[in-house]
N, C-alpha and C. Protein backbone atom coordinates (compact mmCIF):
# COMPACT_ATOMS: atom_id res chain seq x y z
N UNK A 1 -66.55 59.25 33.41
CA UNK A 1 -66.55 57.81 33.62
C UNK A 1 -65.26 57.43 34.35
N UNK A 2 -65.41 56.60 35.36
CA UNK A 2 -64.26 56.14 36.14
C UNK A 2 -64.09 54.64 35.90
N UNK A 3 -62.89 54.26 35.49
CA UNK A 3 -62.60 52.88 35.11
C UNK A 3 -61.53 52.30 36.03
N UNK A 4 -61.81 51.12 36.57
CA UNK A 4 -60.80 50.36 37.30
C UNK A 4 -60.13 49.45 36.28
N UNK A 5 -58.85 49.67 36.03
CA UNK A 5 -58.11 48.88 35.05
C UNK A 5 -57.06 48.05 35.76
N UNK A 6 -57.15 46.74 35.58
CA UNK A 6 -56.23 45.80 36.20
C UNK A 6 -55.58 44.93 35.14
N UNK A 7 -54.42 44.41 35.45
CA UNK A 7 -53.81 43.40 34.59
C UNK A 7 -52.83 42.59 35.42
N UNK A 8 -52.44 41.48 34.86
CA UNK A 8 -51.38 40.64 35.45
C UNK A 8 -51.69 40.18 36.88
N UNK A 9 -52.89 39.66 37.07
CA UNK A 9 -53.26 39.14 38.38
C UNK A 9 -52.55 37.81 38.64
N UNK A 10 -52.44 36.97 37.63
CA UNK A 10 -51.68 35.72 37.72
C UNK A 10 -52.10 34.83 38.89
N UNK A 11 -53.38 34.49 38.97
CA UNK A 11 -53.82 33.54 40.01
C UNK A 11 -52.95 32.29 39.88
N UNK A 12 -52.20 31.93 40.93
CA UNK A 12 -51.25 30.81 40.79
C UNK A 12 -51.91 29.43 40.83
N UNK A 13 -52.88 29.23 41.71
CA UNK A 13 -53.61 27.96 41.81
C UNK A 13 -54.76 28.15 42.78
N UNK A 14 -55.64 27.16 42.81
CA UNK A 14 -56.78 27.26 43.72
C UNK A 14 -56.39 27.03 45.18
N UNK A 15 -55.20 26.52 45.40
CA UNK A 15 -54.75 26.21 46.77
C UNK A 15 -53.71 27.18 47.30
N UNK A 16 -53.50 28.28 46.63
CA UNK A 16 -52.50 29.24 47.08
C UNK A 16 -52.99 29.91 48.37
N UNK A 17 -52.28 29.72 49.45
CA UNK A 17 -52.72 30.23 50.76
C UNK A 17 -52.41 31.71 50.95
N UNK A 18 -51.50 32.24 50.17
CA UNK A 18 -51.10 33.64 50.35
C UNK A 18 -51.94 34.62 49.55
N UNK A 19 -52.57 34.16 48.47
CA UNK A 19 -53.26 35.08 47.57
C UNK A 19 -54.36 35.87 48.27
N UNK A 20 -55.26 35.18 48.94
CA UNK A 20 -56.40 35.88 49.56
C UNK A 20 -55.98 36.82 50.68
N UNK A 21 -55.24 36.37 51.69
CA UNK A 21 -54.93 37.28 52.80
C UNK A 21 -53.95 38.40 52.47
N UNK A 22 -52.99 38.12 51.58
CA UNK A 22 -51.93 39.11 51.34
C UNK A 22 -52.10 39.93 50.07
N UNK A 23 -52.92 39.46 49.15
CA UNK A 23 -53.11 40.21 47.91
C UNK A 23 -54.57 40.64 47.74
N UNK A 24 -55.49 39.69 47.75
CA UNK A 24 -56.88 40.01 47.44
C UNK A 24 -57.54 40.90 48.50
N UNK A 25 -57.46 40.53 49.76
CA UNK A 25 -58.13 41.32 50.80
C UNK A 25 -57.62 42.76 50.87
N UNK A 26 -56.30 42.98 50.89
CA UNK A 26 -55.83 44.37 50.89
C UNK A 26 -56.25 45.13 49.63
N UNK A 27 -56.23 44.44 48.49
CA UNK A 27 -56.65 45.07 47.25
C UNK A 27 -58.12 45.48 47.31
N UNK A 28 -58.99 44.58 47.77
CA UNK A 28 -60.42 44.90 47.88
C UNK A 28 -60.65 46.05 48.85
N UNK A 29 -59.89 46.09 49.91
CA UNK A 29 -59.99 47.20 50.86
C UNK A 29 -59.62 48.52 50.19
N UNK A 30 -58.56 48.50 49.41
CA UNK A 30 -58.14 49.71 48.70
C UNK A 30 -59.19 50.18 47.69
N UNK A 31 -59.70 49.24 46.88
CA UNK A 31 -60.66 49.69 45.86
C UNK A 31 -61.98 50.11 46.49
N UNK A 32 -62.32 49.53 47.64
CA UNK A 32 -63.54 49.98 48.35
C UNK A 32 -63.37 51.43 48.79
N UNK A 33 -62.18 51.75 49.28
CA UNK A 33 -61.90 53.12 49.71
C UNK A 33 -61.94 54.07 48.51
N UNK A 34 -61.31 53.69 47.41
CA UNK A 34 -61.32 54.52 46.21
C UNK A 34 -62.73 54.67 45.65
N UNK A 35 -63.50 53.60 45.72
CA UNK A 35 -64.87 53.62 45.21
C UNK A 35 -65.76 54.54 46.05
N UNK A 36 -65.46 54.62 47.33
CA UNK A 36 -66.22 55.49 48.22
C UNK A 36 -65.98 56.96 47.89
N UNK A 37 -64.76 57.27 47.50
CA UNK A 37 -64.42 58.64 47.11
C UNK A 37 -65.15 59.04 45.83
N UNK A 38 -65.13 58.16 44.86
CA UNK A 38 -65.85 58.36 43.60
C UNK A 38 -66.06 56.99 42.98
N UNK A 39 -67.30 56.65 42.68
CA UNK A 39 -67.64 55.30 42.21
C UNK A 39 -67.00 54.96 40.87
N UNK A 40 -66.63 53.70 40.75
CA UNK A 40 -66.16 53.18 39.46
C UNK A 40 -67.38 52.82 38.62
N UNK A 41 -67.29 53.09 37.33
CA UNK A 41 -68.37 52.78 36.40
C UNK A 41 -68.13 51.48 35.65
N UNK A 42 -66.89 51.05 35.64
CA UNK A 42 -66.49 49.94 34.79
C UNK A 42 -65.23 49.31 35.36
N UNK A 43 -65.09 48.00 35.18
CA UNK A 43 -63.85 47.31 35.56
C UNK A 43 -63.32 46.54 34.35
N UNK A 44 -62.04 46.66 34.12
CA UNK A 44 -61.39 45.99 32.99
C UNK A 44 -60.16 45.25 33.50
N UNK A 45 -60.03 44.00 33.08
CA UNK A 45 -58.80 43.26 33.35
C UNK A 45 -58.21 42.90 31.99
N UNK A 46 -57.04 43.44 31.73
CA UNK A 46 -56.45 43.29 30.39
C UNK A 46 -55.33 42.25 30.37
N UNK A 47 -55.68 41.04 30.70
CA UNK A 47 -54.76 39.94 30.50
C UNK A 47 -54.07 39.39 31.73
N UNK A 48 -53.65 38.15 31.59
CA UNK A 48 -52.96 37.39 32.62
C UNK A 48 -53.80 37.24 33.88
N UNK A 49 -55.01 36.70 33.67
CA UNK A 49 -55.91 36.39 34.76
C UNK A 49 -55.33 35.27 35.62
N UNK A 50 -54.79 34.25 34.96
CA UNK A 50 -54.20 33.10 35.64
C UNK A 50 -52.70 33.08 35.34
N UNK A 51 -51.98 32.16 35.98
CA UNK A 51 -50.54 32.08 35.78
C UNK A 51 -50.18 30.84 34.97
N UNK A 52 -49.34 31.01 33.97
CA UNK A 52 -48.79 29.91 33.17
C UNK A 52 -49.86 28.96 32.65
N UNK A 53 -50.96 29.51 32.17
CA UNK A 53 -52.01 28.68 31.59
C UNK A 53 -52.69 27.76 32.57
N UNK A 54 -52.61 28.09 33.85
CA UNK A 54 -53.29 27.28 34.87
C UNK A 54 -52.62 25.95 35.15
N UNK A 55 -51.37 25.81 34.77
CA UNK A 55 -50.67 24.53 34.89
C UNK A 55 -50.58 24.03 36.32
N UNK A 56 -50.59 24.92 37.32
CA UNK A 56 -50.45 24.49 38.71
C UNK A 56 -51.78 24.15 39.38
N UNK A 57 -52.89 24.29 38.65
CA UNK A 57 -54.20 23.95 39.21
C UNK A 57 -54.37 22.43 39.24
N UNK A 58 -55.01 21.93 40.29
CA UNK A 58 -55.29 20.49 40.36
C UNK A 58 -56.20 20.08 39.21
N UNK A 59 -57.22 20.88 38.95
CA UNK A 59 -58.10 20.65 37.81
C UNK A 59 -57.97 21.86 36.90
N UNK A 60 -57.12 21.71 35.92
CA UNK A 60 -56.81 22.83 35.03
C UNK A 60 -58.05 23.38 34.33
N UNK A 61 -59.05 22.54 34.12
CA UNK A 61 -60.28 22.98 33.46
C UNK A 61 -61.07 23.96 34.31
N UNK A 62 -60.74 24.08 35.58
CA UNK A 62 -61.47 24.97 36.48
C UNK A 62 -60.71 26.26 36.79
N UNK A 63 -59.58 26.49 36.13
CA UNK A 63 -58.76 27.66 36.49
C UNK A 63 -59.50 28.98 36.27
N UNK A 64 -60.26 29.10 35.19
CA UNK A 64 -60.97 30.35 34.96
C UNK A 64 -62.18 30.49 35.89
N UNK A 65 -62.79 29.36 36.25
CA UNK A 65 -63.88 29.41 37.24
C UNK A 65 -63.34 29.89 38.59
N UNK A 66 -62.15 29.42 38.95
CA UNK A 66 -61.51 29.87 40.18
C UNK A 66 -61.26 31.36 40.13
N UNK A 67 -60.77 31.84 38.99
CA UNK A 67 -60.55 33.28 38.82
C UNK A 67 -61.86 34.05 38.98
N UNK A 68 -62.91 33.54 38.38
CA UNK A 68 -64.22 34.18 38.48
C UNK A 68 -64.68 34.26 39.93
N UNK A 69 -64.59 33.14 40.65
CA UNK A 69 -65.07 33.09 42.03
C UNK A 69 -64.20 33.87 43.01
N UNK A 70 -62.88 33.79 42.85
CA UNK A 70 -62.03 34.42 43.87
C UNK A 70 -61.66 35.86 43.54
N UNK A 71 -61.82 36.28 42.29
CA UNK A 71 -61.43 37.66 41.94
C UNK A 71 -62.59 38.49 41.40
N UNK A 72 -63.20 38.02 40.33
CA UNK A 72 -64.21 38.83 39.65
C UNK A 72 -65.40 39.11 40.56
N UNK A 73 -65.97 38.07 41.13
CA UNK A 73 -67.16 38.27 41.97
C UNK A 73 -66.89 39.18 43.17
N UNK A 74 -65.78 39.02 43.90
CA UNK A 74 -65.50 39.96 44.99
C UNK A 74 -65.28 41.40 44.51
N UNK A 75 -64.64 41.56 43.36
CA UNK A 75 -64.44 42.91 42.82
C UNK A 75 -65.77 43.55 42.49
N UNK A 76 -66.63 42.81 41.77
CA UNK A 76 -67.95 43.36 41.41
C UNK A 76 -68.77 43.67 42.65
N UNK A 77 -68.72 42.80 43.63
CA UNK A 77 -69.46 43.03 44.87
C UNK A 77 -68.94 44.26 45.60
N UNK A 78 -67.63 44.38 45.69
CA UNK A 78 -67.02 45.53 46.38
C UNK A 78 -67.38 46.84 45.70
N UNK A 79 -67.43 46.82 44.37
CA UNK A 79 -67.71 48.05 43.62
C UNK A 79 -69.20 48.24 43.33
N UNK A 80 -70.03 47.28 43.73
CA UNK A 80 -71.47 47.31 43.44
C UNK A 80 -71.72 47.46 41.93
N UNK A 81 -70.98 46.68 41.16
CA UNK A 81 -71.14 46.68 39.71
C UNK A 81 -71.80 45.39 39.26
N UNK A 82 -72.57 45.46 38.19
CA UNK A 82 -73.14 44.25 37.60
C UNK A 82 -72.12 43.67 36.61
N UNK A 83 -72.33 42.42 36.23
CA UNK A 83 -71.36 41.75 35.37
C UNK A 83 -71.25 42.40 33.99
N UNK A 84 -72.27 43.13 33.56
CA UNK A 84 -72.17 43.79 32.25
C UNK A 84 -71.28 45.03 32.31
N UNK A 85 -70.75 45.34 33.47
CA UNK A 85 -69.82 46.46 33.63
C UNK A 85 -68.39 45.96 33.84
N UNK A 86 -68.17 44.69 33.52
CA UNK A 86 -66.86 44.05 33.69
C UNK A 86 -66.39 43.49 32.35
N UNK A 87 -65.19 43.87 31.95
CA UNK A 87 -64.63 43.41 30.68
C UNK A 87 -63.25 42.80 30.93
N UNK A 88 -62.92 41.81 30.12
CA UNK A 88 -61.60 41.21 30.24
C UNK A 88 -61.11 40.77 28.87
N UNK A 89 -59.81 40.62 28.77
CA UNK A 89 -59.16 40.13 27.56
C UNK A 89 -58.07 39.16 27.97
N UNK A 90 -57.78 38.17 27.14
CA UNK A 90 -56.73 37.21 27.51
C UNK A 90 -55.34 37.79 27.34
N UNK A 91 -54.43 37.30 28.15
CA UNK A 91 -53.02 37.64 28.03
C UNK A 91 -52.22 36.39 27.70
N UNK A 92 -50.93 36.52 27.58
CA UNK A 92 -50.11 35.37 27.22
C UNK A 92 -50.11 34.27 28.28
N UNK A 93 -50.41 34.59 29.53
CA UNK A 93 -50.49 33.57 30.58
C UNK A 93 -51.85 32.88 30.63
N UNK A 94 -52.80 33.35 29.87
CA UNK A 94 -54.14 32.77 29.85
C UNK A 94 -54.29 31.70 28.77
N UNK A 95 -53.22 31.38 28.09
CA UNK A 95 -53.26 30.35 27.06
C UNK A 95 -52.58 29.08 27.59
N UNK A 96 -53.05 27.96 27.09
CA UNK A 96 -52.47 26.67 27.45
C UNK A 96 -51.44 26.34 26.39
N UNK A 97 -50.22 26.67 26.65
CA UNK A 97 -49.16 26.58 25.65
C UNK A 97 -48.92 25.16 25.15
N UNK A 98 -49.30 24.17 25.93
CA UNK A 98 -49.07 22.79 25.52
C UNK A 98 -50.23 22.19 24.72
N UNK A 99 -51.24 22.98 24.40
CA UNK A 99 -52.40 22.48 23.65
C UNK A 99 -52.10 22.28 22.17
N UNK A 100 -51.18 23.05 21.62
CA UNK A 100 -50.82 22.90 20.21
C UNK A 100 -49.53 22.10 20.12
N UNK A 101 -49.42 21.29 19.09
CA UNK A 101 -48.26 20.41 18.94
C UNK A 101 -46.99 21.21 18.66
N UNK A 102 -45.86 20.60 18.93
CA UNK A 102 -44.57 21.23 18.62
C UNK A 102 -44.47 21.52 17.13
N UNK A 103 -45.02 20.63 16.31
CA UNK A 103 -45.02 20.81 14.86
C UNK A 103 -45.76 22.09 14.48
N UNK A 104 -46.95 22.28 15.04
CA UNK A 104 -47.74 23.49 14.77
C UNK A 104 -47.00 24.72 15.30
N UNK A 105 -46.48 24.63 16.52
CA UNK A 105 -45.77 25.75 17.14
C UNK A 105 -44.58 26.19 16.28
N UNK A 106 -43.79 25.23 15.83
CA UNK A 106 -42.63 25.54 14.99
C UNK A 106 -43.08 26.15 13.67
N UNK A 107 -44.09 25.56 13.07
CA UNK A 107 -44.59 26.09 11.80
C UNK A 107 -45.12 27.51 11.92
N UNK A 108 -45.88 27.77 12.96
CA UNK A 108 -46.42 29.12 13.16
C UNK A 108 -45.31 30.14 13.35
N UNK A 109 -44.33 29.79 14.18
CA UNK A 109 -43.26 30.76 14.45
C UNK A 109 -42.40 31.00 13.21
N UNK A 110 -42.32 30.02 12.32
CA UNK A 110 -41.54 30.18 11.10
C UNK A 110 -42.31 30.92 10.01
N UNK A 111 -43.62 30.73 9.96
CA UNK A 111 -44.42 31.27 8.85
C UNK A 111 -45.08 32.61 9.13
N UNK A 112 -45.41 32.90 10.37
CA UNK A 112 -46.13 34.14 10.67
C UNK A 112 -45.14 35.26 10.95
N UNK A 113 -44.47 35.70 9.91
CA UNK A 113 -43.39 36.69 10.03
C UNK A 113 -43.83 38.11 9.72
N UNK A 114 -45.02 38.28 9.13
CA UNK A 114 -45.47 39.63 8.78
C UNK A 114 -46.99 39.69 8.84
N UNK A 115 -47.53 40.88 8.74
CA UNK A 115 -48.98 41.06 8.91
C UNK A 115 -49.78 40.36 7.81
N UNK A 116 -49.26 40.27 6.60
CA UNK A 116 -49.98 39.56 5.53
C UNK A 116 -50.12 38.07 5.86
N UNK A 117 -49.05 37.47 6.37
CA UNK A 117 -49.09 36.06 6.74
C UNK A 117 -50.05 35.83 7.90
N UNK A 118 -50.04 36.72 8.88
CA UNK A 118 -50.96 36.61 10.02
C UNK A 118 -52.40 36.75 9.56
N UNK A 119 -52.67 37.73 8.72
CA UNK A 119 -54.04 37.93 8.21
C UNK A 119 -54.52 36.74 7.40
N UNK A 120 -53.65 36.15 6.58
CA UNK A 120 -54.03 34.97 5.80
C UNK A 120 -54.36 33.81 6.74
N UNK A 121 -53.54 33.64 7.78
CA UNK A 121 -53.78 32.58 8.76
C UNK A 121 -55.15 32.76 9.43
N UNK A 122 -55.47 33.99 9.81
CA UNK A 122 -56.76 34.28 10.44
C UNK A 122 -57.90 34.06 9.46
N UNK A 123 -57.74 34.52 8.24
CA UNK A 123 -58.80 34.39 7.23
C UNK A 123 -59.09 32.94 6.87
N UNK A 124 -58.10 32.07 6.97
CA UNK A 124 -58.31 30.66 6.64
C UNK A 124 -59.18 29.95 7.68
N UNK A 125 -59.37 30.53 8.84
CA UNK A 125 -60.30 30.07 9.88
C UNK A 125 -60.13 28.61 10.27
N UNK A 126 -58.91 28.15 10.36
CA UNK A 126 -58.63 26.80 10.82
C UNK A 126 -58.39 26.83 12.32
N UNK A 127 -58.66 25.72 12.99
CA UNK A 127 -58.38 25.63 14.43
C UNK A 127 -56.91 25.30 14.70
N UNK A 128 -56.16 24.98 13.66
CA UNK A 128 -54.74 24.68 13.85
C UNK A 128 -54.04 25.88 14.47
N UNK A 129 -53.35 25.64 15.55
CA UNK A 129 -52.57 26.69 16.19
C UNK A 129 -53.31 27.55 17.18
N UNK A 130 -54.61 27.31 17.35
CA UNK A 130 -55.36 28.14 18.31
C UNK A 130 -55.96 27.32 19.45
N UNK A 131 -55.59 26.06 19.54
CA UNK A 131 -56.11 25.23 20.63
C UNK A 131 -55.73 25.78 21.99
N UNK A 132 -54.61 26.47 22.07
CA UNK A 132 -54.12 27.02 23.33
C UNK A 132 -55.05 28.07 23.93
N UNK A 133 -55.83 28.75 23.10
CA UNK A 133 -56.72 29.80 23.59
C UNK A 133 -58.16 29.30 23.78
N UNK A 134 -58.46 28.09 23.32
CA UNK A 134 -59.83 27.58 23.42
C UNK A 134 -60.39 27.54 24.84
N UNK A 135 -59.62 27.09 25.86
CA UNK A 135 -60.19 27.10 27.21
C UNK A 135 -60.64 28.50 27.66
N UNK A 136 -59.87 29.52 27.32
CA UNK A 136 -60.27 30.89 27.67
C UNK A 136 -61.53 31.28 26.90
N UNK A 137 -61.59 30.94 25.61
CA UNK A 137 -62.74 31.31 24.79
C UNK A 137 -64.01 30.60 25.27
N UNK A 138 -63.88 29.37 25.74
CA UNK A 138 -65.03 28.65 26.31
C UNK A 138 -65.49 29.36 27.57
N UNK A 139 -64.56 29.72 28.45
CA UNK A 139 -64.89 30.47 29.66
C UNK A 139 -65.58 31.78 29.30
N UNK A 140 -65.05 32.48 28.33
CA UNK A 140 -65.61 33.75 27.89
C UNK A 140 -67.03 33.58 27.37
N UNK A 141 -67.25 32.55 26.56
CA UNK A 141 -68.56 32.32 25.94
C UNK A 141 -69.60 31.85 26.96
N UNK A 142 -69.20 30.97 27.87
CA UNK A 142 -70.14 30.39 28.83
C UNK A 142 -70.43 31.32 30.00
N UNK A 143 -69.50 32.22 30.30
CA UNK A 143 -69.70 33.14 31.41
C UNK A 143 -70.70 34.21 31.06
N UNK A 144 -71.16 34.88 32.07
CA UNK A 144 -72.12 35.97 31.85
C UNK A 144 -71.40 37.30 31.83
N UNK A 145 -70.13 37.28 31.45
CA UNK A 145 -69.34 38.49 31.48
C UNK A 145 -69.01 38.97 30.09
N UNK A 146 -68.77 40.24 29.99
CA UNK A 146 -68.42 40.86 28.72
C UNK A 146 -66.96 40.57 28.41
N UNK A 147 -66.59 40.76 27.19
CA UNK A 147 -65.18 40.61 26.80
C UNK A 147 -64.89 41.46 25.60
C-alpha cells in the first residue's frame, strides 16, 4: 500500500494569489510524477488544513470548503482516487480559537493538568470548551470525506 501523507498545508485565505501558482501547481505536478511511478492507494492530511482558524478568510464559514475545492479535489483528481480513499484530521490551526470564552479557556488550561482530568472532561460530554472545533466537525460531518 502506498500512502500520500501531508500535513501543515495552512491555506492562508481564498484570495491568496501565490498559493496556486507557487505551491499547489508544482505540488500537483510532483505527485502526478510520483503517482505515475507507482500509484498511491490513499491520501492522508494530518492537520493544519487552514491557517490560524481561517481568520483571514472573507467568509470564515467557507474556509474548509475553500480547502476542499482548492486542495482536496485537485489532489484526488491528480491521483485518480475516490473520496473514500482520503482521510484527514484537524490540527491546532484548524480550530477557531476565539469561539470559546476567555473564562472557559482559562478554566480549561488550569484544570486539565493530567489524563484523569482530561478523561473526566470528555466523559461529561459538555460543549463547553469545544466550540473552537465545531466548524471543523461540521465540515467533516457534511463532507463526503473520511476522517
